[in-house]
Amino acid sequence: LKSYISSGVINLDKPSNPSSHEVVAWIKRILRCERTGHSGTLDPKVTGCLIVCIDRATRLVKSQQGAGKEYVCVIRLHNKLPGGEAQFARALETLTGALFQRPPLISAVKRQLRIRTIHESKLYEFDNERQLGVFWVSCEAGTYIRTLCVHLGLLLGVGAHMQELRRVRSGAMDEQKNLVTLHDVLDAQYLYDNQRDESYLRQVISPLESLLTTYKRVVVKDSAVNAVCYGAKLMIPGLLRYESGIEVHEEIVLITTKGEAIAIAIAQMSTVELSTCDHGVVAKVKRCIMERDLYPRRWGMGPVATEKKKMKESGKLDK
C-alpha cells in the first residue's frame, strides 16, 4: 500500500475558499507523504478538478499543468441585452481560437499580454432578466476565464464579470472519473489508521498511470527498463511492442510488460520507421517516472558489449 500511495494521484474536487496550495498541503498532512503537487492552480473561490500528485507522481505535475482544461462558468452581465440569447451566443462564438489575454489584476504571474487558445465553447443557458449566463469552455492551460468574461462584456457592449467557475476537466481527468472530496481522503485515511481497511484508500487514490492514458504507449523489454530509468535513450533492441500512429517528436509513454509507467519520452521515429529499422534511437527520455534499480541492471551484457570486453582484455582495443 505504501508504494501504491507514493505513486498515486487523487482527482480532487477542490472546495471553494481555500487556495489550491492549502488544499494540497492538507492532503500532504492527512496522508503523511513527503511531496505533493497539483495540476495547475485554481483560484480560491473556484471549485472542481484539481489533480493532486503524491510523492513519485509529482514528476508528472509539469505535464499535467500544460494539459488542456475545461470549465463551466457563470457570467453576470452589467445590463440587459437588446439581442437576448442569440446575441450572447454569437459573442461567445467569436471568442474562440487564439485570443490575446492579459492576466487579471489579482494574479500570481507577471501581467504580460499573452496568447491562449480556446478550442470550443457552448452556451448552456442564458437569462436576460437576471443578466446571467452559463457556458462551458474547453481551453488551453493558463487561459484566464475571468479575463474571457470581461472580454465578453466588452464585446456585448454592456460589461460583465465572472460570477462563479468550476473546472470540469483537467488533462485526462474529468468530473466523472473518480472525483473525490477532501472528506473522502480524510475518512479513507481514518479507516486505514483505525480499522486497517485499505480498500477505501485504494479507491480514493488512483495509480499515476491513469494520467497517461492519452499518450501513445511503447512497451519496453525488462532488460532495458533500468537503463531508461538512468536516462539512456531507448534503442531498437530494447523495444518490445508499440502502438500504431506514433509520429516523430510526439510525446509517448514508455511502459513495462506489467504496464507500469517508466517515463514520458519524445519519439525519434514514427511507427512506420520502427517496423522497418533494426537499429537506432526509438525515443529519448523527457521525464523519468519510475525509481532507479527497481529492475536489474542489464547493460554491458549484450553481444556487442561482451565482444568489446573480450577485445579490450586481449589488448586489441584500447580502453
C-alpha atoms as a PDB file:
ATOM      1  CA  LEU A   1       0.000   0.000   0.000  1.00  0.00           C
ATOM      2  CA  LYS A   2       2.866   2.355   0.830  1.00  0.00           C
ATOM      3  CA  SER A   3       4.214   2.151  -2.700  1.00  0.00           C
ATOM      4  CA  TYR A   4       0.693   2.398  -4.116  1.00  0.00           C
ATOM      5  CA  ILE A   5       0.107   5.687  -2.318  1.00  0.00           C
ATOM      6  CA  SER A   6       3.513   7.072  -3.179  1.00  0.00           C
ATOM      7  CA  SER A   7       2.865   6.625  -6.876  1.00  0.00           C
ATOM      8  CA  GLY A   8      -0.739   7.749  -6.763  1.00  0.00           C
ATOM      9  CA  VAL A   9      -2.832  10.657  -7.882  1.00  0.00           C
ATOM     10  CA  ILE A  10      -6.050  11.980  -6.400  1.00  0.00           C
ATOM     11  CA  ASN A  11      -8.651  13.571  -8.635  1.00  0.00           C
ATOM     12  CA  LEU A  12      -9.810  16.023  -6.006  1.00  0.00           C
ATOM     13  CA  ASP A  13     -12.932  18.141  -6.024  1.00  0.00           C
ATOM     14  CA  LYS A  14     -11.462  21.351  -4.693  1.00  0.00           C
ATOM     15  CA  PRO A  15     -13.769  23.121  -2.227  1.00  0.00           C
ATOM     16  CA  SER A  16     -14.486  26.821  -2.552  1.00  0.00           C
ATOM     17  CA  ASN A  17     -12.442  29.290  -0.425  1.00  0.00           C
ATOM     18  CA  PRO A  18      -9.095  27.677   0.437  1.00  0.00           C
ATOM     19  CA  SER A  19      -6.378  28.187  -2.156  1.00  0.00           C
ATOM     20  CA  SER A  20      -5.009  25.281  -4.195  1.00  0.00           C
ATOM     21  CA  HIS A  21      -1.784  25.243  -2.225  1.00  0.00           C
ATOM     22  CA  GLU A  22      -3.583  24.997   1.110  1.00  0.00           C
ATOM     23  CA  VAL A  23      -5.670  22.091  -0.156  1.00  0.00           C
ATOM     24  CA  VAL A  24      -2.586  20.275  -1.400  1.00  0.00           C
ATOM     25  CA  ALA A  25      -0.787  20.922   1.878  1.00  0.00           C
ATOM     26  CA  TRP A  26      -3.733  19.489   3.807  1.00  0.00           C
ATOM     27  CA  ILE A  27      -3.653  16.315   1.747  1.00  0.00           C
ATOM     28  CA  LYS A  28       0.045  16.062   2.382  1.00  0.00           C
ATOM     29  CA  ARG A  29      -0.676  16.284   6.102  1.00  0.00           C
ATOM     30  CA  ILE A  30      -3.551  13.788   6.009  1.00  0.00           C
ATOM     31  CA  LEU A  31      -1.660  11.154   4.036  1.00  0.00           C
ATOM     32  CA  ARG A  32       1.662  11.946   5.733  1.00  0.00           C
ATOM     33  CA  CYS A  33       3.596  11.832   2.479  1.00  0.00           C
ATOM     34  CA  GLU A  34       6.766  13.653   1.544  1.00  0.00           C
ATOM     35  CA  ARG A  35       5.883  15.525  -1.610  1.00  0.00           C
ATOM     36  CA  THR A  36       2.700  16.653  -3.256  1.00  0.00           C
ATOM     37  CA  GLY A  37       1.982  18.692  -6.346  1.00  0.00           C
ATOM     38  CA  HIS A  38      -1.037  19.734  -8.320  1.00  0.00           C
ATOM     39  CA  SER A  39      -2.211  20.137 -11.886  1.00  0.00           C
ATOM     40  CA  GLY A  40      -2.446  23.900 -12.194  1.00  0.00           C
ATOM     41  CA  THR A  41      -3.693  26.404  -9.648  1.00  0.00           C
ATOM     42  CA  LEU A  42      -7.361  27.122  -9.121  1.00  0.00           C
ATOM     43  CA  ASP A  43      -8.324  30.465  -7.592  1.00  0.00           C
ATOM     44  CA  PRO A  44      -9.619  30.254  -4.007  1.00  0.00           C
ATOM     45  CA  LYS A  45     -13.289  30.657  -4.960  1.00  0.00           C
ATOM     46  CA  VAL A  46     -13.137  28.239  -7.884  1.00  0.00           C
ATOM     47  CA  THR A  47     -14.201  24.627  -7.375  1.00  0.00           C
ATOM     48  CA  GLY A  48     -13.657  21.470  -9.389  1.00  0.00           C
ATOM     49  CA  CYS A  49     -10.953  19.141 -10.643  1.00  0.00           C
ATOM     50  CA  LEU A  50      -7.584  19.532  -9.031  1.00  0.00           C
ATOM     51  CA  ILE A  51      -5.288  16.613  -9.692  1.00  0.00           C
ATOM     52  CA  VAL A  52      -3.118  16.081  -6.651  1.00  0.00           C
ATOM     53  CA  CYS A  53       0.038  14.070  -7.289  1.00  0.00           C
ATOM     54  CA  ILE A  54       1.707  12.237  -4.426  1.00  0.00           C
ATOM     55  CA  ASP A  55       5.444  11.545  -3.974  1.00  0.00           C
ATOM     56  CA  ARG A  56       6.606   9.799  -7.144  1.00  0.00           C
ATOM     57  CA  ALA A  57       3.712  11.064  -9.214  1.00  0.00           C
ATOM     58  CA  THR A  58       4.829  14.667  -8.656  1.00  0.00           C
ATOM     59  CA  ARG A  59       7.173  14.098 -11.568  1.00  0.00           C
ATOM     60  CA  LEU A  60       4.104  14.326 -13.776  1.00  0.00           C
ATOM     61  CA  VAL A  61       2.998  17.698 -12.450  1.00  0.00           C
ATOM     62  CA  LYS A  62       4.640  19.684 -15.219  1.00  0.00           C
ATOM     63  CA  SER A  63       2.945  17.748 -17.988  1.00  0.00           C
ATOM     64  CA  GLN A  64      -0.408  17.973 -16.210  1.00  0.00           C
ATOM     65  CA  GLN A  65      -0.132  21.723 -15.792  1.00  0.00           C
ATOM     66  CA  GLY A  66       0.369  22.027 -19.520  1.00  0.00           C
ATOM     67  CA  ALA A  67      -2.643  19.872 -20.381  1.00  0.00           C
ATOM     68  CA  GLY A  68      -5.909  21.298 -21.687  1.00  0.00           C
ATOM     69  CA  LYS A  69      -8.658  22.250 -19.252  1.00  0.00           C
ATOM     70  CA  GLU A  70     -12.436  22.549 -19.393  1.00  0.00           C
ATOM     71  CA  TYR A  71     -14.589  24.868 -17.329  1.00  0.00           C
ATOM     72  CA  VAL A  72     -18.202  25.710 -16.660  1.00  0.00           C
ATOM     73  CA  CYS A  73     -18.646  29.369 -15.906  1.00  0.00           C
ATOM     74  CA  VAL A  74     -21.460  31.610 -14.662  1.00  0.00           C
ATOM     75  CA  ILE A  75     -21.181  35.111 -16.054  1.00  0.00           C
ATOM     76  CA  ARG A  76     -23.000  38.204 -14.801  1.00  0.00           C
ATOM     77  CA  LEU A  77     -23.715  40.979 -17.302  1.00  0.00           C
ATOM     78  CA  HIS A  78     -23.966  44.568 -16.121  1.00  0.00           C
ATOM     79  CA  ASN A  79     -27.013  45.321 -18.216  1.00  0.00           C
ATOM     80  CA  LYS A  80     -29.758  43.611 -20.188  1.00  0.00           C
ATOM     81  CA  LEU A  81     -29.017  42.615 -23.758  1.00  0.00           C
ATOM     82  CA  PRO A  82     -31.166  44.005 -26.562  1.00  0.00           C
ATOM     83  CA  GLY A  83     -30.433  40.935 -28.701  1.00  0.00           C
ATOM     84  CA  GLY A  84     -31.078  38.426 -25.918  1.00  0.00           C
ATOM     85  CA  GLU A  85     -29.651  34.918 -26.008  1.00  0.00           C
ATOM     86  CA  ALA A  86     -28.782  34.959 -29.711  1.00  0.00           C
ATOM     87  CA  GLN A  87     -26.516  37.958 -29.265  1.00  0.00           C
ATOM     88  CA  PHE A  88     -24.738  36.329 -26.335  1.00  0.00           C
ATOM     89  CA  ALA A  89     -24.238  33.056 -28.213  1.00  0.00           C
ATOM     90  CA  ARG A  90     -22.801  34.955 -31.181  1.00  0.00           C
ATOM     91  CA  ALA A  91     -20.361  36.854 -28.988  1.00  0.00           C
ATOM     92  CA  LEU A  92     -19.282  33.630 -27.298  1.00  0.00           C
ATOM     93  CA  GLU A  93     -18.664  32.092 -30.701  1.00  0.00           C
ATOM     94  CA  THR A  94     -16.413  34.977 -31.756  1.00  0.00           C
ATOM     95  CA  LEU A  95     -14.217  34.334 -28.747  1.00  0.00           C
ATOM     96  CA  THR A  96     -12.760  31.018 -29.904  1.00  0.00           C
ATOM     97  CA  GLY A  97      -9.391  30.299 -31.439  1.00  0.00           C
ATOM     98  CA  ALA A  98      -6.320  32.248 -30.407  1.00  0.00           C
ATOM     99  CA  LEU A  99      -7.057  35.157 -28.092  1.00  0.00           C
ATOM    100  CA  PHE A 100      -4.915  37.862 -26.564  1.00  0.00           C
ATOM    101  CA  GLN A 101      -5.196  37.901 -22.802  1.00  0.00           C
ATOM    102  CA  ARG A 102      -3.690  39.898 -20.014  1.00  0.00           C
ATOM    103  CA  PRO A 103      -3.914  38.223 -16.591  1.00  0.00           C
ATOM    104  CA  PRO A 104      -6.394  39.844 -14.145  1.00  0.00           C
ATOM    105  CA  LEU A 105      -5.275  42.485 -11.659  1.00  0.00           C
ATOM    106  CA  ILE A 106      -5.046  39.945  -8.874  1.00  0.00           C
ATOM    107  CA  SER A 107      -2.925  37.122 -10.210  1.00  0.00           C
ATOM    108  CA  ALA A 108       0.205  35.228  -9.337  1.00  0.00           C
ATOM    109  CA  VAL A 109       2.008  35.798 -12.628  1.00  0.00           C
ATOM    110  CA  LYS A 110       3.527  38.716 -14.444  1.00  0.00           C
ATOM    111  CA  ARG A 111       0.827  40.677 -16.207  1.00  0.00           C
ATOM    112  CA  GLN A 112       2.034  40.412 -19.759  1.00  0.00           C
ATOM    113  CA  LEU A 113      -0.075  40.120 -22.840  1.00  0.00           C
ATOM    114  CA  ARG A 114      -0.174  36.512 -23.944  1.00  0.00           C
ATOM    115  CA  ILE A 115      -1.946  34.358 -26.473  1.00  0.00           C
ATOM    116  CA  ARG A 116      -4.141  31.491 -25.351  1.00  0.00           C
ATOM    117  CA  THR A 117      -6.257  29.184 -27.470  1.00  0.00           C
ATOM    118  CA  ILE A 118      -9.887  28.442 -26.750  1.00  0.00           C
ATOM    119  CA  HIS A 119     -10.823  25.220 -28.505  1.00  0.00           C
ATOM    120  CA  GLU A 120     -14.585  25.412 -28.214  1.00  0.00           C
ATOM    121  CA  SER A 121     -17.355  26.819 -26.084  1.00  0.00           C
ATOM    122  CA  LYS A 122     -21.047  26.072 -25.628  1.00  0.00           C
ATOM    123  CA  LEU A 123     -23.786  28.227 -24.164  1.00  0.00           C
ATOM    124  CA  TYR A 124     -25.757  26.204 -21.618  1.00  0.00           C
ATOM    125  CA  GLU A 125     -28.375  28.750 -20.617  1.00  0.00           C
ATOM    126  CA  PHE A 126     -28.941  32.473 -20.587  1.00  0.00           C
ATOM    127  CA  ASP A 127     -31.346  34.571 -18.524  1.00  0.00           C
ATOM    128  CA  ASN A 128     -31.708  38.085 -19.855  1.00  0.00           C
ATOM    129  CA  GLU A 129     -33.902  39.211 -16.958  1.00  0.00           C
ATOM    130  CA  ARG A 130     -31.414  38.265 -14.273  1.00  0.00           C
ATOM    131  CA  GLN A 131     -28.484  39.107 -16.581  1.00  0.00           C
ATOM    132  CA  LEU A 132     -26.832  35.728 -16.024  1.00  0.00           C
ATOM    133  CA  GLY A 133     -25.336  33.275 -18.474  1.00  0.00           C
ATOM    134  CA  VAL A 134     -23.858  29.795 -18.059  1.00  0.00           C
ATOM    135  CA  PHE A 135     -21.374  28.438 -20.573  1.00  0.00           C
ATOM    136  CA  TRP A 136     -18.839  25.648 -20.998  1.00  0.00           C
ATOM    137  CA  VAL A 137     -15.321  26.258 -22.296  1.00  0.00           C
ATOM    138  CA  SER A 138     -12.569  23.920 -23.423  1.00  0.00           C
ATOM    139  CA  CYS A 139      -9.271  25.758 -23.481  1.00  0.00           C
ATOM    140  CA  GLU A 140      -5.505  25.649 -23.291  1.00  0.00           C
ATOM    141  CA  ALA A 141      -3.704  25.657 -19.955  1.00  0.00           C
ATOM    142  CA  GLY A 142      -3.243  29.108 -18.499  1.00  0.00           C
ATOM    143  CA  THR A 143      -6.345  30.664 -20.009  1.00  0.00           C
ATOM    144  CA  TYR A 144      -7.969  33.207 -17.739  1.00  0.00           C
ATOM    145  CA  ILE A 145     -11.724  32.687 -17.736  1.00  0.00           C
ATOM    146  CA  ARG A 146     -12.040  35.853 -15.665  1.00  0.00           C
ATOM    147  CA  THR A 147     -10.458  37.819 -18.490  1.00  0.00           C
ATOM    148  CA  LEU A 148     -12.627  35.985 -21.003  1.00  0.00           C
ATOM    149  CA  CYS A 149     -15.757  37.130 -19.168  1.00  0.00           C
ATOM    150  CA  VAL A 150     -14.611  40.743 -19.188  1.00  0.00           C
ATOM    151  CA  HIS A 151     -13.901  40.485 -22.917  1.00  0.00           C
ATOM    152  CA  LEU A 152     -17.370  39.041 -23.483  1.00  0.00           C
ATOM    153  CA  GLY A 153     -18.828  42.026 -21.666  1.00  0.00           C
ATOM    154  CA  LEU A 154     -16.840  44.407 -23.835  1.00  0.00           C
ATOM    155  CA  LEU A 155     -17.943  42.602 -26.982  1.00  0.00           C
ATOM    156  CA  LEU A 156     -21.586  42.813 -25.968  1.00  0.00           C
ATOM    157  CA  GLY A 157     -21.156  46.447 -25.043  1.00  0.00           C
ATOM    158  CA  VAL A 158     -22.681  46.080 -21.579  1.00  0.00           C
ATOM    159  CA  GLY A 159     -19.725  44.989 -19.457  1.00  0.00           C
ATOM    160  CA  ALA A 160     -19.599  41.733 -17.488  1.00  0.00           C
ATOM    161  CA  HIS A 161     -17.693  39.797 -14.868  1.00  0.00           C
ATOM    162  CA  MET A 162     -17.262  36.225 -13.738  1.00  0.00           C
ATOM    163  CA  GLN A 163     -19.758  35.119 -11.106  1.00  0.00           C
ATOM    164  CA  GLU A 164     -18.532  31.602 -10.407  1.00  0.00           C
ATOM    165  CA  LEU A 165     -16.379  28.985 -12.037  1.00  0.00           C
ATOM    166  CA  ARG A 166     -15.870  25.236 -11.890  1.00  0.00           C
ATOM    167  CA  ARG A 167     -13.212  23.204 -13.629  1.00  0.00           C
ATOM    168  CA  VAL A 168     -14.823  20.081 -15.049  1.00  0.00           C
ATOM    169  CA  ARG A 169     -11.778  18.546 -16.661  1.00  0.00           C
ATOM    170  CA  SER A 170      -8.050  18.803 -16.221  1.00  0.00           C
ATOM    171  CA  GLY A 171      -5.895  16.862 -18.648  1.00  0.00           C
ATOM    172  CA  ALA A 172      -7.049  13.262 -18.682  1.00  0.00           C
ATOM    173  CA  MET A 173      -9.206  13.527 -15.559  1.00  0.00           C
ATOM    174  CA  ASP A 174     -12.773  14.814 -15.586  1.00  0.00           C
ATOM    175  CA  GLU A 175     -15.650  15.025 -13.093  1.00  0.00           C
ATOM    176  CA  GLN A 176     -16.846  11.516 -13.908  1.00  0.00           C
ATOM    177  CA  LYS A 177     -13.515   9.816 -13.290  1.00  0.00           C
ATOM    178  CA  ASN A 178     -13.268   9.001  -9.614  1.00  0.00           C
ATOM    179  CA  LEU A 179     -13.701  12.537  -8.278  1.00  0.00           C
ATOM    180  CA  VAL A 180     -13.249  12.647  -4.501  1.00  0.00           C
ATOM    181  CA  THR A 181     -13.702  15.353  -1.885  1.00  0.00           C
ATOM    182  CA  LEU A 182     -11.293  16.276   0.898  1.00  0.00           C
ATOM    183  CA  HIS A 183     -13.609  14.484   3.329  1.00  0.00           C
ATOM    184  CA  ASP A 184     -13.225  11.271   1.344  1.00  0.00           C
ATOM    185  CA  VAL A 185      -9.466  11.481   1.728  1.00  0.00           C
ATOM    186  CA  LEU A 186      -9.755  12.138   5.465  1.00  0.00           C
ATOM    187  CA  ASP A 187     -12.202   9.275   6.001  1.00  0.00           C
ATOM    188  CA  ALA A 188     -10.143   6.880   3.915  1.00  0.00           C
ATOM    189  CA  GLN A 189      -7.010   7.583   5.924  1.00  0.00           C
ATOM    190  CA  TYR A 190      -9.010   7.343   9.170  1.00  0.00           C
ATOM    191  CA  LEU A 191     -10.406   3.933   8.198  1.00  0.00           C
ATOM    192  CA  TYR A 192      -6.934   2.718   7.342  1.00  0.00           C
ATOM    193  CA  ASP A 193      -5.414   4.040  10.568  1.00  0.00           C
ATOM    194  CA  ASN A 194      -8.094   2.709  12.892  1.00  0.00           C
ATOM    195  CA  GLN A 195      -9.534  -0.346  11.190  1.00  0.00           C
ATOM    196  CA  ARG A 196      -6.695  -1.302   8.868  1.00  0.00           C
ATOM    197  CA  ASP A 197      -9.158  -1.174   5.990  1.00  0.00           C
ATOM    198  CA  GLU A 198      -7.265  -0.016   2.936  1.00  0.00           C
ATOM    199  CA  SER A 199      -9.947  -0.609   0.302  1.00  0.00           C
ATOM    200  CA  TYR A 200     -11.315   2.938   0.614  1.00  0.00           C
ATOM    201  CA  LEU A 201      -7.860   4.486   0.313  1.00  0.00           C
ATOM    202  CA  ARG A 202      -7.181   2.450  -2.808  1.00  0.00           C
ATOM    203  CA  GLN A 203     -10.464   3.681  -4.235  1.00  0.00           C
ATOM    204  CA  VAL A 204      -9.708   7.339  -3.483  1.00  0.00           C
ATOM    205  CA  ILE A 205      -6.174   7.246  -4.869  1.00  0.00           C
ATOM    206  CA  SER A 206      -5.731   6.246  -8.496  1.00  0.00           C
ATOM    207  CA  PRO A 207      -2.429   4.984  -9.901  1.00  0.00           C
ATOM    208  CA  LEU A 208      -0.392   7.596 -11.780  1.00  0.00           C
ATOM    209  CA  GLU A 209      -0.810   5.583 -14.993  1.00  0.00           C
ATOM    210  CA  SER A 210      -4.381   6.897 -15.171  1.00  0.00           C
ATOM    211  CA  LEU A 211      -2.994  10.333 -16.077  1.00  0.00           C
ATOM    212  CA  LEU A 212      -1.088   8.906 -19.019  1.00  0.00           C
ATOM    213  CA  THR A 213      -3.986   7.313 -20.882  1.00  0.00           C
ATOM    214  CA  THR A 214      -3.910   9.992 -23.563  1.00  0.00           C
ATOM    215  CA  TYR A 215      -0.344   9.247 -24.645  1.00  0.00           C
ATOM    216  CA  LYS A 216       0.649   6.581 -27.165  1.00  0.00           C
ATOM    217  CA  ARG A 217       2.300   3.619 -25.472  1.00  0.00           C
ATOM    218  CA  VAL A 218       5.551   1.815 -26.139  1.00  0.00           C
ATOM    219  CA  VAL A 219       6.355  -1.409 -24.266  1.00  0.00           C
ATOM    220  CA  VAL A 220       9.987  -1.805 -23.217  1.00  0.00           C
ATOM    221  CA  LYS A 221      11.777  -5.098 -22.556  1.00  0.00           C
ATOM    222  CA  ASP A 222      12.547  -5.769 -18.905  1.00  0.00           C
ATOM    223  CA  SER A 223      16.264  -5.810 -19.628  1.00  0.00           C
ATOM    224  CA  ALA A 224      16.180  -2.233 -20.896  1.00  0.00           C
ATOM    225  CA  VAL A 225      13.983  -0.733 -18.188  1.00  0.00           C
ATOM    226  CA  ASN A 226      16.687   0.216 -15.725  1.00  0.00           C
ATOM    227  CA  ALA A 227      18.868   1.758 -18.407  1.00  0.00           C
ATOM    228  CA  VAL A 228      15.989   4.031 -19.354  1.00  0.00           C
ATOM    229  CA  CYS A 229      15.476   4.907 -15.679  1.00  0.00           C
ATOM    230  CA  TYR A 230      19.084   6.069 -15.649  1.00  0.00           C
ATOM    231  CA  GLY A 231      18.325   8.324 -18.593  1.00  0.00           C
ATOM    232  CA  ALA A 232      19.519   6.234 -21.529  1.00  0.00           C
ATOM    233  CA  LYS A 233      17.755   6.639 -24.835  1.00  0.00           C
ATOM    234  CA  LEU A 234      15.523   3.758 -25.819  1.00  0.00           C
ATOM    235  CA  MET A 235      17.076   1.888 -28.736  1.00  0.00           C
ATOM    236  CA  ILE A 236      15.512  -0.631 -31.108  1.00  0.00           C
ATOM    237  CA  PRO A 237      16.812  -3.748 -29.277  1.00  0.00           C
ATOM    238  CA  GLY A 238      15.013  -2.678 -26.098  1.00  0.00           C
ATOM    239  CA  LEU A 239      11.706  -2.313 -27.885  1.00  0.00           C
ATOM    240  CA  LEU A 240       9.025  -4.942 -27.397  1.00  0.00           C
ATOM    241  CA  ARG A 241       5.698  -3.625 -28.686  1.00  0.00           C
ATOM    242  CA  TYR A 242       4.476  -0.252 -29.891  1.00  0.00           C
ATOM    243  CA  GLU A 243       1.245   1.446 -30.787  1.00  0.00           C
ATOM    244  CA  SER A 244       0.315   2.487 -34.298  1.00  0.00           C
ATOM    245  CA  GLY A 245       0.243   6.127 -35.346  1.00  0.00           C
ATOM    246  CA  ILE A 246       3.265   7.395 -33.435  1.00  0.00           C
ATOM    247  CA  GLU A 247       4.751  10.491 -35.068  1.00  0.00           C
ATOM    248  CA  VAL A 248       8.300  11.820 -34.757  1.00  0.00           C
ATOM    249  CA  HIS A 249       8.737  14.282 -31.852  1.00  0.00           C
ATOM    250  CA  GLU A 250       5.443  13.185 -30.326  1.00  0.00           C
ATOM    251  CA  GLU A 251       5.311  12.642 -26.581  1.00  0.00           C
ATOM    252  CA  ILE A 252       4.842   8.977 -25.763  1.00  0.00           C
ATOM    253  CA  VAL A 253       4.822   6.973 -22.562  1.00  0.00           C
ATOM    254  CA  LEU A 254       7.209   4.053 -22.058  1.00  0.00           C
ATOM    255  CA  ILE A 255       5.729   1.192 -20.061  1.00  0.00           C
ATOM    256  CA  THR A 256       6.966  -2.150 -18.760  1.00  0.00           C
ATOM    257  CA  THR A 257       5.489  -5.505 -19.668  1.00  0.00           C
ATOM    258  CA  LYS A 258       3.414  -5.283 -16.488  1.00  0.00           C
ATOM    259  CA  GLY A 259       2.032  -1.902 -17.547  1.00  0.00           C
ATOM    260  CA  GLU A 260       3.921   0.307 -15.094  1.00  0.00           C
ATOM    261  CA  ALA A 261       4.922   3.685 -16.465  1.00  0.00           C
ATOM    262  CA  ILE A 262       8.682   4.129 -16.827  1.00  0.00           C
ATOM    263  CA  ALA A 263       8.990   7.551 -18.409  1.00  0.00           C
ATOM    264  CA  ILE A 264       7.491  10.136 -20.672  1.00  0.00           C
ATOM    265  CA  ALA A 265       9.636  10.264 -23.779  1.00  0.00           C
ATOM    266  CA  ILE A 266       9.854  12.060 -27.092  1.00  0.00           C
ATOM    267  CA  ALA A 267       9.625   9.746 -30.074  1.00  0.00           C
ATOM    268  CA  GLN A 268      12.538   9.891 -32.513  1.00  0.00           C
ATOM    269  CA  MET A 269      10.968   7.519 -35.040  1.00  0.00           C
ATOM    270  CA  SER A 270       7.472   7.110 -36.388  1.00  0.00           C
ATOM    271  CA  THR A 271       5.640   3.781 -36.272  1.00  0.00           C
ATOM    272  CA  VAL A 272       6.466   3.199 -39.943  1.00  0.00           C
ATOM    273  CA  GLU A 273      10.197   3.546 -39.313  1.00  0.00           C
ATOM    274  CA  LEU A 274      10.018   1.405 -36.171  1.00  0.00           C
ATOM    275  CA  SER A 275       8.638  -1.531 -38.122  1.00  0.00           C
ATOM    276  CA  THR A 276      11.397  -1.377 -40.743  1.00  0.00           C
ATOM    277  CA  CYS A 277      14.535  -0.400 -38.783  1.00  0.00           C
ATOM    278  CA  ASP A 278      16.761  -2.838 -36.950  1.00  0.00           C
ATOM    279  CA  HIS A 279      18.869  -0.248 -35.112  1.00  0.00           C
ATOM    280  CA  GLY A 280      18.724   3.340 -33.956  1.00  0.00           C
ATOM    281  CA  VAL A 281      17.144   5.541 -31.304  1.00  0.00           C
ATOM    282  CA  VAL A 282      13.439   4.980 -30.703  1.00  0.00           C
ATOM    283  CA  ALA A 283      12.853   7.688 -28.134  1.00  0.00           C
ATOM    284  CA  LYS A 284      14.694   9.929 -25.748  1.00  0.00           C
ATOM    285  CA  VAL A 285      13.536  10.347 -22.179  1.00  0.00           C
ATOM    286  CA  LYS A 286      11.878  13.610 -21.250  1.00  0.00           C
ATOM    287  CA  ARG A 287      10.708  12.855 -17.723  1.00  0.00           C
ATOM    288  CA  CYS A 288      11.540   9.705 -15.838  1.00  0.00           C
ATOM    289  CA  ILE A 289       8.809   8.405 -13.546  1.00  0.00           C
ATOM    290  CA  MET A 290       9.997   5.057 -12.254  1.00  0.00           C
ATOM    291  CA  GLU A 291      12.604   4.844  -9.493  1.00  0.00           C
ATOM    292  CA  ARG A 292      16.044   3.545 -10.449  1.00  0.00           C
ATOM    293  CA  ASP A 293      17.140  -0.015  -9.718  1.00  0.00           C
ATOM    294  CA  LEU A 294      13.636  -1.461  -9.413  1.00  0.00           C
ATOM    295  CA  TYR A 295      14.645  -3.649 -12.321  1.00  0.00           C
ATOM    296  CA  PRO A 296      18.084  -5.302 -12.547  1.00  0.00           C
ATOM    297  CA  ARG A 297      20.945  -3.526 -14.309  1.00  0.00           C
ATOM    298  CA  ARG A 298      21.347  -5.312 -17.595  1.00  0.00           C
ATOM    299  CA  TRP A 299      23.568  -3.037 -19.611  1.00  0.00           C
ATOM    300  CA  GLY A 300      27.003  -4.218 -20.735  1.00  0.00           C
ATOM    301  CA  MET A 301      25.640  -7.757 -21.047  1.00  0.00           C
ATOM    302  CA  GLY A 302      24.683  -7.683 -24.727  1.00  0.00           C
ATOM    303  CA  PRO A 303      26.527  -9.486 -27.541  1.00  0.00           C
ATOM    304  CA  VAL A 304      28.327  -6.357 -28.780  1.00  0.00           C
ATOM    305  CA  ALA A 305      29.384  -5.257 -25.313  1.00  0.00           C
ATOM    306  CA  THR A 306      30.763  -8.679 -24.363  1.00  0.00           C
ATOM    307  CA  GLU A 307      32.651  -8.815 -27.670  1.00  0.00           C
ATOM    308  CA  LYS A 308      34.184  -5.412 -26.864  1.00  0.00           C
ATOM    309  CA  LYS A 309      35.173  -6.538 -23.384  1.00  0.00           C
ATOM    310  CA  LYS A 310      36.963  -9.583 -24.794  1.00  0.00           C
ATOM    311  CA  MET A 311      38.833  -7.403 -27.280  1.00  0.00           C
ATOM    312  CA  LYS A 312      39.848  -4.989 -24.531  1.00  0.00           C
ATOM    313  CA  GLU A 313      41.132  -7.814 -22.363  1.00  0.00           C
ATOM    314  CA  SER A 314      43.164  -9.300 -25.185  1.00  0.00           C
ATOM    315  CA  GLY A 315      44.525  -5.818 -25.937  1.00  0.00           C
ATOM    316  CA  LYS A 316      43.072  -5.474 -29.428  1.00  0.00           C
ATOM    317  CA  LEU A 317      41.011  -2.457 -28.377  1.00  0.00           C
ATOM    318  CA  ASP A 318      42.337   0.381 -26.276  1.00  0.00           C
ATOM    319  CA  LYS A 319      40.308   1.403 -23.254  1.00  0.00           C
END
